Amino acid sequence: MQIRRVVTGRDPHGRSILLSDSPTPRTVSFESIPGHAFAQVWTTPPSPSLAAPHTDPTGGQPDLIPQAGGTSLLIVTFPPDHVMLSPRFDPAAAGAECMTHMPDLARTFEPQSAGMHTTDTVDYAIVLTGEIWLEVDDGQETRLCPTDVVVQNGTRHAWGNKSDVPATVAFFMVGATRA
């Protein structure tokens, strides 16, 4: 996965400038799940400031899920579901790799219900390419296509790709507190 990230800031006189223009430094292509990849584009802490960051906020931290009030922009490519049904697929290796690259998100997945998880976030999920299926707690599913947007309000859900081609979804996550 190659995502170009352009970051703006201000010079000492307050004028806008381009701080960087490069691929996202935190990009993972999974070896145990062929075609599955993510890029964490940017994060902000709770109550972010508009000062230019001195370091890349995606570097050196394993978390994808933001703290309450913080944000995270994640782009994910989902391979077709049949990749996980292949006799060569190793669920233990996939689980270990998920724990290595996205431990906070991996801990939210339910072992007894493939793909189902719940996070303390409000997510805006925007389908960029392909088609993806959203499954909710009652088993209801809905097919999503490019430019479709899901507002995910911290509810239990799973994503599935029933097609034969990868699907790419942008997730803008806002950390929330559960009432």
N, C-alpha and C. Protein backbone atom coordinates (compact mmCIF):
# COMPACT_ATOMS: atom_id res chain seq x y z
N MET A 1 0.86 -1.17 0.00
CA MET A 1 0.00 0.00 0.00
C MET A 1 0.90 1.23 0.00
N GLN A 2 0.62 2.13 -0.91
CA GLN A 2 1.41 3.35 -1.01
C GLN A 2 0.45 4.53 -0.88
N ILE A 3 0.52 5.25 0.23
CA ILE A 3 -0.33 6.42 0.46
C ILE A 3 0.58 7.63 0.56
N ARG A 4 0.34 8.63 -0.26
CA ARG A 4 1.09 9.89 -0.21
C ARG A 4 0.47 10.78 0.84
N ARG A 5 1.30 11.33 1.73
CA ARG A 5 0.82 12.20 2.80
C ARG A 5 1.51 13.55 2.66
N VAL A 6 0.70 14.60 2.51
CA VAL A 6 1.19 15.97 2.43
C VAL A 6 0.76 16.67 3.71
N VAL A 7 1.73 17.23 4.45
CA VAL A 7 1.46 17.87 5.73
C VAL A 7 1.81 19.35 5.62
N THR A 8 0.88 20.19 6.07
CA THR A 8 1.13 21.64 6.05
C THR A 8 1.45 22.15 7.45
N GLY A 9 1.98 23.35 7.50
CA GLY A 9 2.30 24.01 8.76
C GLY A 9 2.46 25.50 8.51
N ARG A 10 3.18 26.16 9.40
CA ARG A 10 3.41 27.60 9.26
C ARG A 10 4.89 27.90 9.42
N ASP A 11 5.35 28.91 8.69
CA ASP A 11 6.72 29.35 8.88
C ASP A 11 6.78 30.32 10.06
N PRO A 12 7.97 30.81 10.43
CA PRO A 12 8.06 31.71 11.60
C PRO A 12 7.24 32.99 11.48
N HIS A 13 6.80 33.32 10.25
CA HIS A 13 5.98 34.52 10.04
C HIS A 13 4.49 34.21 9.99
N GLY A 14 4.14 32.95 10.23
CA GLY A 14 2.73 32.57 10.26
C GLY A 14 2.15 32.21 8.91
N ARG A 15 2.98 32.18 7.86
CA ARG A 15 2.48 31.83 6.52
C ARG A 15 2.45 30.32 6.38
N SER A 16 1.48 29.83 5.63
CA SER A 16 1.37 28.39 5.43
C SER A 16 2.49 27.88 4.53
N ILE A 17 2.98 26.69 4.89
CA ILE A 17 4.04 26.05 4.12
C ILE A 17 3.76 24.55 4.05
N LEU A 18 4.44 23.88 3.16
CA LEU A 18 4.40 22.43 3.11
C LEU A 18 5.53 21.91 3.99
N LEU A 19 5.17 21.18 5.04
CA LEU A 19 6.18 20.62 5.93
C LEU A 19 6.76 19.32 5.37
N SER A 20 5.91 18.51 4.76
CA SER A 20 6.40 17.26 4.20
C SER A 20 5.47 16.78 3.09
N ASP A 21 6.04 15.97 2.22
CA ASP A 21 5.31 15.36 1.11
C ASP A 21 6.01 14.03 0.87
N SER A 22 5.45 12.97 1.42
CA SER A 22 6.12 11.67 1.35
C SER A 22 5.11 10.55 1.63
N PRO A 23 5.52 9.31 1.41
CA PRO A 23 4.64 8.20 1.78
C PRO A 23 4.44 8.16 3.29
N THR A 24 3.31 7.61 3.71
CA THR A 24 3.06 7.45 5.14
C THR A 24 4.13 6.55 5.74
N PRO A 25 4.75 6.96 6.84
CA PRO A 25 5.80 6.13 7.41
C PRO A 25 5.28 4.88 8.13
N ARG A 26 4.04 4.92 8.59
CA ARG A 26 3.49 3.75 9.29
C ARG A 26 2.53 3.02 8.37
N THR A 27 3.11 2.16 7.55
CA THR A 27 2.35 1.35 6.60
C THR A 27 2.71 -0.10 6.83
N VAL A 28 1.71 -0.96 6.89
CA VAL A 28 1.93 -2.38 7.14
C VAL A 28 1.20 -3.19 6.07
N SER A 29 1.93 -4.09 5.43
CA SER A 29 1.34 -5.09 4.54
C SER A 29 1.51 -6.43 5.23
N PHE A 30 0.42 -7.09 5.51
CA PHE A 30 0.44 -8.33 6.27
C PHE A 30 0.95 -9.49 5.43
N GLU A 31 1.92 -10.22 5.96
CA GLU A 31 2.44 -11.40 5.28
C GLU A 31 1.49 -12.58 5.42
N SER A 32 0.86 -12.71 6.58
CA SER A 32 0.00 -13.86 6.84
C SER A 32 -1.42 -13.70 6.27
N ILE A 33 -1.76 -12.48 5.85
CA ILE A 33 -3.08 -12.22 5.25
C ILE A 33 -2.82 -11.51 3.93
N PRO A 34 -2.55 -12.26 2.86
CA PRO A 34 -2.21 -11.64 1.58
C PRO A 34 -3.26 -10.63 1.13
N GLY A 35 -2.80 -9.43 0.78
CA GLY A 35 -3.70 -8.38 0.31
C GLY A 35 -4.21 -7.46 1.41
N HIS A 36 -3.97 -7.81 2.68
CA HIS A 36 -4.43 -6.97 3.79
C HIS A 36 -3.32 -5.99 4.15
N ALA A 37 -3.67 -4.71 4.24
CA ALA A 37 -2.68 -3.69 4.55
C ALA A 37 -3.36 -2.51 5.20
N PHE A 38 -2.58 -1.72 5.94
CA PHE A 38 -3.09 -0.45 6.45
C PHE A 38 -1.99 0.58 6.46
N ALA A 39 -2.43 1.83 6.42
CA ALA A 39 -1.53 2.97 6.58
C ALA A 39 -2.18 3.91 7.57
N GLN A 40 -1.47 4.21 8.65
CA GLN A 40 -1.97 5.22 9.58
C GLN A 40 -1.43 6.55 9.07
N VAL A 41 -2.33 7.40 8.62
CA VAL A 41 -1.94 8.64 7.96
C VAL A 41 -1.56 9.71 8.98
N TRP A 42 -2.36 9.85 10.05
CA TRP A 42 -2.12 10.93 11.01
C TRP A 42 -2.88 10.64 12.28
N THR A 43 -2.44 11.20 13.37
CA THR A 43 -3.16 11.13 14.64
C THR A 43 -3.07 12.48 15.31
N THR A 44 -4.03 12.74 16.17
CA THR A 44 -3.95 13.92 17.03
C THR A 44 -4.30 13.50 18.45
N PRO A 45 -3.72 14.20 19.42
CA PRO A 45 -4.08 13.93 20.81
C PRO A 45 -5.41 14.62 21.13
N PRO A 46 -5.97 14.35 22.29
CA PRO A 46 -7.14 15.12 22.70
C PRO A 46 -6.78 16.61 22.72
N SER A 47 -7.69 17.46 22.33
CA SER A 47 -7.47 18.91 22.26
C SER A 47 -6.18 19.25 21.52
N PRO A 48 -6.09 18.89 20.22
CA PRO A 48 -4.86 19.15 19.48
C PRO A 48 -4.60 20.64 19.31
N SER A 49 -3.32 20.98 19.15
CA SER A 49 -2.94 22.36 18.87
C SER A 49 -2.62 22.48 17.39
N LEU A 50 -2.65 23.69 16.88
CA LEU A 50 -2.35 23.91 15.46
C LEU A 50 -0.87 24.19 15.23
N ALA A 51 -0.05 24.06 16.25
CA ALA A 51 1.39 24.20 16.07
C ALA A 51 1.91 23.02 15.26
N ALA A 52 2.92 23.26 14.46
CA ALA A 52 3.52 22.19 13.67
C ALA A 52 4.12 21.15 14.60
N PRO A 53 3.85 19.88 14.32
CA PRO A 53 4.45 18.83 15.17
C PRO A 53 5.96 18.78 14.98
N HIS A 54 6.67 18.49 16.06
CA HIS A 54 8.12 18.37 15.97
C HIS A 54 8.53 16.97 15.57
N THR A 55 7.65 16.01 15.74
CA THR A 55 7.91 14.63 15.33
C THR A 55 6.65 14.10 14.66
N ASP A 56 6.82 13.02 13.93
CA ASP A 56 5.68 12.40 13.26
C ASP A 56 4.79 11.76 14.32
N PRO A 57 3.50 12.13 14.38
CA PRO A 57 2.64 11.58 15.43
C PRO A 57 2.30 10.10 15.23
N THR A 58 2.60 9.55 14.06
CA THR A 58 2.31 8.13 13.83
C THR A 58 3.51 7.24 14.15
N GLY A 59 4.66 7.83 14.41
CA GLY A 59 5.86 7.05 14.65
C GLY A 59 6.03 6.67 16.11
N GLY A 60 6.60 5.52 16.33
CA GLY A 60 6.97 5.12 17.67
C GLY A 60 5.85 4.76 18.61
N GLN A 61 4.64 4.65 18.11
CA GLN A 61 3.55 4.23 19.00
C GLN A 61 2.74 3.17 18.28
N PRO A 62 2.37 2.11 19.00
CA PRO A 62 1.69 0.99 18.35
C PRO A 62 0.19 1.17 18.19
N ASP A 63 -0.40 2.16 18.86
CA ASP A 63 -1.85 2.26 18.88
C ASP A 63 -2.42 2.86 17.60
N LEU A 64 -3.57 2.33 17.21
CA LEU A 64 -4.35 2.88 16.11
C LEU A 64 -5.58 3.59 16.63
N ILE A 65 -6.10 3.13 17.76
CA ILE A 65 -7.33 3.68 18.34
C ILE A 65 -6.96 4.92 19.16
N PRO A 66 -7.56 6.07 18.86
CA PRO A 66 -7.21 7.28 19.60
C PRO A 66 -7.83 7.33 20.99
N GLN A 67 -7.19 8.10 21.85
CA GLN A 67 -7.75 8.37 23.18
C GLN A 67 -9.02 9.20 23.01
N ALA A 68 -9.84 9.25 24.04
CA ALA A 68 -11.05 10.07 24.00
C ALA A 68 -10.67 11.50 23.63
N GLY A 69 -11.29 12.03 22.58
CA GLY A 69 -11.00 13.37 22.10
C GLY A 69 -9.90 13.43 21.07
N GLY A 70 -9.14 12.36 20.91
CA GLY A 70 -8.08 12.32 19.90
C GLY A 70 -8.62 11.76 18.60
N THR A 71 -7.80 11.80 17.55
CA THR A 71 -8.22 11.29 16.24
C THR A 71 -7.14 10.40 15.64
N SER A 72 -7.57 9.58 14.70
CA SER A 72 -6.66 8.74 13.93
C SER A 72 -7.26 8.55 12.55
N LEU A 73 -6.44 8.76 11.53
CA LEU A 73 -6.88 8.50 10.15
C LEU A 73 -6.13 7.27 9.67
N LEU A 74 -6.90 6.26 9.31
CA LEU A 74 -6.37 4.96 8.92
C LEU A 74 -6.97 4.58 7.57
N ILE A 75 -6.13 4.12 6.65
CA ILE A 75 -6.62 3.60 5.38
C ILE A 75 -6.30 2.11 5.37
N VAL A 76 -7.33 1.30 5.10
CA VAL A 76 -7.20 -0.15 5.18
C VAL A 76 -7.62 -0.78 3.86
N THR A 77 -6.80 -1.72 3.39
CA THR A 77 -7.18 -2.55 2.25
C THR A 77 -7.57 -3.92 2.78
N PHE A 78 -8.79 -4.33 2.45
CA PHE A 78 -9.32 -5.63 2.86
C PHE A 78 -9.25 -6.59 1.67
N PRO A 79 -8.57 -7.71 1.81
CA PRO A 79 -8.58 -8.69 0.72
C PRO A 79 -9.95 -9.36 0.66
N PRO A 80 -10.23 -10.05 -0.45
CA PRO A 80 -11.48 -10.83 -0.49
C PRO A 80 -11.51 -11.85 0.64
N ASP A 81 -12.70 -12.12 1.16
CA ASP A 81 -12.86 -13.07 2.27
C ASP A 81 -12.28 -14.44 1.95
N HIS A 82 -12.31 -14.83 0.67
CA HIS A 82 -11.83 -16.18 0.34
C HIS A 82 -10.34 -16.35 0.65
N VAL A 83 -9.59 -15.28 0.83
CA VAL A 83 -8.18 -15.39 1.22
C VAL A 83 -8.08 -16.09 2.57
N MET A 84 -9.01 -15.77 3.49
CA MET A 84 -8.98 -16.39 4.81
C MET A 84 -9.55 -17.81 4.81
N LEU A 85 -10.17 -18.22 3.71
CA LEU A 85 -10.71 -19.58 3.61
C LEU A 85 -9.74 -20.53 2.90
N SER A 86 -8.64 -19.99 2.41
CA SER A 86 -7.65 -20.79 1.72
C SER A 86 -7.02 -21.79 2.67
N PRO A 87 -6.69 -22.99 2.21
CA PRO A 87 -6.03 -23.96 3.08
C PRO A 87 -4.65 -23.48 3.55
N ARG A 88 -4.06 -22.54 2.84
CA ARG A 88 -2.75 -21.99 3.23
C ARG A 88 -2.86 -20.92 4.32
N PHE A 89 -4.09 -20.46 4.61
CA PHE A 89 -4.27 -19.41 5.62
C PHE A 89 -4.02 -19.98 7.01
N ASP A 90 -3.20 -19.28 7.79
CA ASP A 90 -2.85 -19.71 9.14
C ASP A 90 -3.42 -18.69 10.14
N PRO A 91 -4.57 -18.99 10.77
CA PRO A 91 -5.18 -18.04 11.69
C PRO A 91 -4.27 -17.64 12.85
N ALA A 92 -3.47 -18.57 13.35
CA ALA A 92 -2.58 -18.25 14.48
C ALA A 92 -1.52 -17.24 14.04
N ALA A 93 -0.96 -17.42 12.85
CA ALA A 93 0.04 -16.48 12.33
C ALA A 93 -0.60 -15.11 12.08
N ALA A 94 -1.82 -15.11 11.56
CA ALA A 94 -2.52 -13.84 11.31
C ALA A 94 -2.79 -13.12 12.63
N GLY A 95 -3.22 -13.84 13.65
CA GLY A 95 -3.47 -13.24 14.96
C GLY A 95 -2.20 -12.67 15.56
N ALA A 96 -1.11 -13.41 15.45
CA ALA A 96 0.17 -12.93 16.00
C ALA A 96 0.63 -11.68 15.26
N GLU A 97 0.47 -11.66 13.95
CA GLU A 97 0.88 -10.49 13.18
C GLU A 97 0.01 -9.28 13.51
N CYS A 98 -1.28 -9.49 13.70
CA CYS A 98 -2.16 -8.39 14.10
C CYS A 98 -1.75 -7.84 15.47
N MET A 99 -1.41 -8.73 16.40
CA MET A 99 -0.97 -8.27 17.73
C MET A 99 0.34 -7.49 17.65
N THR A 100 1.19 -7.82 16.70
CA THR A 100 2.45 -7.10 16.52
C THR A 100 2.24 -5.70 15.96
N HIS A 101 1.39 -5.59 14.93
CA HIS A 101 1.26 -4.32 14.20
C HIS A 101 0.12 -3.43 14.66
N MET A 102 -0.87 -3.99 15.34
CA MET A 102 -2.02 -3.20 15.78
C MET A 102 -2.60 -3.80 17.05
N PRO A 103 -1.79 -3.83 18.12
CA PRO A 103 -2.21 -4.55 19.33
C PRO A 103 -3.50 -4.03 19.95
N ASP A 104 -3.69 -2.72 19.99
CA ASP A 104 -4.90 -2.19 20.62
C ASP A 104 -6.15 -2.60 19.85
N LEU A 105 -6.11 -2.55 18.54
CA LEU A 105 -7.25 -2.95 17.73
C LEU A 105 -7.43 -4.47 17.77
N ALA A 106 -6.34 -5.22 17.71
CA ALA A 106 -6.42 -6.68 17.75
C ALA A 106 -7.09 -7.17 19.03
N ARG A 107 -6.85 -6.47 20.14
CA ARG A 107 -7.46 -6.88 21.42
C ARG A 107 -8.98 -6.70 21.43
N THR A 108 -9.53 -5.91 20.51
CA THR A 108 -10.98 -5.71 20.47
C THR A 108 -11.71 -6.80 19.70
N PHE A 109 -10.97 -7.61 18.93
CA PHE A 109 -11.60 -8.65 18.12
C PHE A 109 -12.04 -9.83 18.98
N GLU A 110 -13.20 -10.39 18.65
CA GLU A 110 -13.78 -11.50 19.40
C GLU A 110 -13.37 -12.81 18.75
N PRO A 111 -12.62 -13.64 19.46
CA PRO A 111 -12.16 -14.90 18.87
C PRO A 111 -13.29 -15.82 18.40
N GLN A 112 -14.42 -15.81 19.10
CA GLN A 112 -15.52 -16.70 18.76
C GLN A 112 -16.41 -16.17 17.64
N SER A 113 -16.23 -14.91 17.23
CA SER A 113 -17.05 -14.30 16.18
C SER A 113 -16.13 -13.59 15.20
N ALA A 114 -15.74 -14.28 14.14
CA ALA A 114 -14.74 -13.77 13.20
C ALA A 114 -15.01 -12.32 12.77
N GLY A 115 -14.04 -11.48 13.06
CA GLY A 115 -14.09 -10.08 12.63
C GLY A 115 -14.89 -9.15 13.50
N MET A 116 -15.75 -9.67 14.36
CA MET A 116 -16.58 -8.79 15.19
C MET A 116 -15.70 -8.09 16.23
N HIS A 117 -15.96 -6.81 16.40
CA HIS A 117 -15.21 -6.02 17.38
C HIS A 117 -15.98 -4.76 17.73
N THR A 118 -15.56 -4.14 18.81
CA THR A 118 -16.17 -2.89 19.29
C THR A 118 -15.04 -1.99 19.77
N THR A 119 -15.07 -0.73 19.36
CA THR A 119 -14.06 0.23 19.82
C THR A 119 -14.77 1.43 20.42
N ASP A 120 -14.08 2.12 21.31
CA ASP A 120 -14.62 3.33 21.91
C ASP A 120 -14.28 4.53 21.02
N THR A 121 -14.88 4.50 19.84
CA THR A 121 -14.64 5.56 18.85
C THR A 121 -15.91 5.84 18.06
N VAL A 122 -15.98 7.04 17.52
CA VAL A 122 -16.94 7.35 16.46
C VAL A 122 -16.10 7.32 15.19
N ASP A 123 -16.47 6.45 14.27
CA ASP A 123 -15.70 6.29 13.03
C ASP A 123 -16.51 6.77 11.85
N TYR A 124 -15.84 7.47 10.96
CA TYR A 124 -16.40 7.81 9.66
C TYR A 124 -15.65 6.92 8.67
N ALA A 125 -16.32 5.90 8.15
CA ALA A 125 -15.71 4.94 7.23
C ALA A 125 -16.15 5.29 5.82
N ILE A 126 -15.19 5.62 4.96
CA ILE A 126 -15.48 6.05 3.59
C ILE A 126 -14.90 5.02 2.63
N VAL A 127 -15.75 4.38 1.85
CA VAL A 127 -15.28 3.38 0.90
C VAL A 127 -14.62 4.11 -0.27
N LEU A 128 -13.35 3.76 -0.51
CA LEU A 128 -12.60 4.39 -1.59
C LEU A 128 -12.64 3.55 -2.86
N THR A 129 -12.40 2.24 -2.73
CA THR A 129 -12.42 1.35 -3.90
C THR A 129 -13.04 0.02 -3.49
N GLY A 130 -13.57 -0.68 -4.48
CA GLY A 130 -14.13 -2.01 -4.24
C GLY A 130 -15.46 -1.94 -3.52
N GLU A 131 -15.84 -3.07 -2.95
CA GLU A 131 -17.06 -3.11 -2.15
C GLU A 131 -16.77 -3.86 -0.86
N ILE A 132 -17.42 -3.44 0.19
CA ILE A 132 -17.22 -4.03 1.51
C ILE A 132 -18.59 -4.20 2.15
N TRP A 133 -18.72 -5.21 2.98
CA TRP A 133 -19.97 -5.47 3.68
C TRP A 133 -19.79 -5.15 5.15
N LEU A 134 -20.75 -4.44 5.72
CA LEU A 134 -20.78 -4.14 7.15
C LEU A 134 -21.82 -5.05 7.79
N GLU A 135 -21.39 -5.78 8.83
CA GLU A 135 -22.29 -6.62 9.60
C GLU A 135 -22.41 -6.02 10.98
N VAL A 136 -23.64 -5.92 11.50
CA VAL A 136 -23.87 -5.41 12.84
C VAL A 136 -24.34 -6.54 13.76
N ASP A 137 -24.53 -6.19 15.00
CA ASP A 137 -24.79 -7.15 16.08
C ASP A 137 -25.92 -8.13 15.80
N ASP A 138 -26.99 -7.67 15.16
CA ASP A 138 -28.15 -8.55 14.95
C ASP A 138 -28.00 -9.42 13.70
N GLY A 139 -26.81 -9.40 13.07
CA GLY A 139 -26.57 -10.19 11.87
C GLY A 139 -26.94 -9.49 10.59
N GLN A 140 -27.55 -8.31 10.68
CA GLN A 140 -27.91 -7.57 9.48
C GLN A 140 -26.64 -7.11 8.78
N GLU A 141 -26.62 -7.21 7.44
CA GLU A 141 -25.48 -6.80 6.64
C GLU A 141 -25.93 -5.79 5.59
N THR A 142 -25.00 -4.91 5.21
CA THR A 142 -25.27 -3.98 4.14
C THR A 142 -24.03 -3.85 3.27
N ARG A 143 -24.26 -3.83 1.96
CA ARG A 143 -23.18 -3.71 0.98
C ARG A 143 -22.86 -2.23 0.77
N LEU A 144 -21.57 -1.92 0.77
CA LEU A 144 -21.11 -0.54 0.60
C LEU A 144 -20.18 -0.46 -0.60
N CYS A 145 -20.32 0.62 -1.37
CA CYS A 145 -19.55 0.82 -2.59
C CYS A 145 -18.81 2.15 -2.51
N PRO A 146 -17.92 2.44 -3.48
CA PRO A 146 -17.16 3.69 -3.43
C PRO A 146 -18.05 4.92 -3.21
N THR A 147 -17.60 5.76 -2.35
CA THR A 147 -18.20 7.02 -1.85
C THR A 147 -19.28 6.79 -0.81
N ASP A 148 -19.64 5.54 -0.51
CA ASP A 148 -20.57 5.29 0.60
C ASP A 148 -19.82 5.57 1.90
N VAL A 149 -20.55 6.10 2.87
CA VAL A 149 -19.96 6.46 4.17
C VAL A 149 -20.78 5.82 5.28
N VAL A 150 -20.07 5.23 6.25
CA VAL A 150 -20.71 4.66 7.43
C VAL A 150 -20.29 5.53 8.62
N VAL A 151 -21.26 5.92 9.44
CA VAL A 151 -20.96 6.57 10.71
C VAL A 151 -21.12 5.48 11.76
N GLN A 152 -20.01 5.03 12.27
CA GLN A 152 -19.95 3.89 13.20
C GLN A 152 -19.84 4.46 14.62
N ASN A 153 -20.90 4.33 15.38
CA ASN A 153 -20.99 4.93 16.71
C ASN A 153 -20.61 3.98 17.83
N GLY A 154 -19.40 3.43 17.79
CA GLY A 154 -18.93 2.56 18.86
C GLY A 154 -19.73 1.29 19.04
N THR A 155 -20.36 0.82 17.97
CA THR A 155 -21.17 -0.39 18.07
C THR A 155 -20.39 -1.61 17.58
N ARG A 156 -20.83 -2.77 18.01
CA ARG A 156 -20.21 -4.04 17.62
C ARG A 156 -20.47 -4.26 16.13
N HIS A 157 -19.41 -4.62 15.41
CA HIS A 157 -19.55 -4.78 13.97
C HIS A 157 -18.39 -5.60 13.41
N ALA A 158 -18.52 -5.96 12.12
CA ALA A 158 -17.45 -6.63 11.38
C ALA A 158 -17.50 -6.15 9.93
N TRP A 159 -16.34 -6.24 9.28
CA TRP A 159 -16.22 -5.89 7.86
C TRP A 159 -15.92 -7.16 7.09
N GLY A 160 -16.54 -7.31 5.93
CA GLY A 160 -16.27 -8.47 5.08
C GLY A 160 -16.23 -8.05 3.63
N ASN A 161 -15.37 -8.73 2.86
CA ASN A 161 -15.25 -8.44 1.44
C ASN A 161 -15.67 -9.70 0.67
N LYS A 162 -16.91 -9.71 0.22
CA LYS A 162 -17.47 -10.87 -0.47
C LYS A 162 -17.14 -10.90 -1.96
N SER A 163 -16.39 -9.92 -2.44
CA SER A 163 -16.06 -9.85 -3.86
C SER A 163 -14.75 -10.59 -4.13
N ASP A 164 -14.28 -10.50 -5.36
CA ASP A 164 -13.03 -11.14 -5.74
C ASP A 164 -11.87 -10.15 -5.84
N VAL A 165 -12.10 -8.89 -5.49
CA VAL A 165 -11.04 -7.87 -5.56
C VAL A 165 -10.92 -7.16 -4.22
N PRO A 166 -9.75 -6.62 -3.92
CA PRO A 166 -9.59 -5.89 -2.66
C PRO A 166 -10.52 -4.68 -2.57
N ALA A 167 -10.82 -4.29 -1.35
CA ALA A 167 -11.60 -3.08 -1.08
C ALA A 167 -10.76 -2.19 -0.16
N THR A 168 -10.77 -0.90 -0.43
CA THR A 168 -10.01 0.04 0.40
C THR A 168 -10.97 1.03 1.04
N VAL A 169 -10.80 1.20 2.36
CA VAL A 169 -11.70 2.05 3.15
C VAL A 169 -10.85 2.99 3.99
N ALA A 170 -11.23 4.27 4.02
CA ALA A 170 -10.59 5.25 4.90
C ALA A 170 -11.43 5.35 6.17
N PHE A 171 -10.77 5.24 7.32
CA PHE A 171 -11.43 5.33 8.62
C PHE A 171 -10.90 6.56 9.35
N PHE A 172 -11.77 7.53 9.59
CA PHE A 172 -11.41 8.65 10.44
C PHE A 172 -12.04 8.37 11.78
N MET A 173 -11.19 8.08 12.78
CA MET A 173 -11.67 7.66 14.09
C MET A 173 -11.51 8.80 15.09
N VAL A 174 -12.55 9.02 15.87
CA VAL A 174 -12.52 10.01 16.95
C VAL A 174 -12.72 9.24 18.25
N GLY A 175 -11.73 9.35 19.15
CA GLY A 175 -11.83 8.66 20.42
C GLY A 175 -12.99 9.18 21.23
N ALA A 176 -13.74 8.28 21.85
CA ALA A 176 -14.95 8.66 22.59
C ALA A 176 -14.96 7.94 23.96
N THR A 177 -15.85 8.39 24.81
CA THR A 177 -16.05 7.70 26.09
C THR A 177 -17.40 7.01 26.01
N ARG A 178 -17.47 5.84 26.59
CA ARG A 178 -18.70 5.05 26.57
C ARG A 178 -19.56 5.50 27.76
N ALA A 179 -20.83 5.80 27.48
CA ALA A 179 -21.74 6.27 28.53
C ALA A 179 -22.14 5.12 29.44
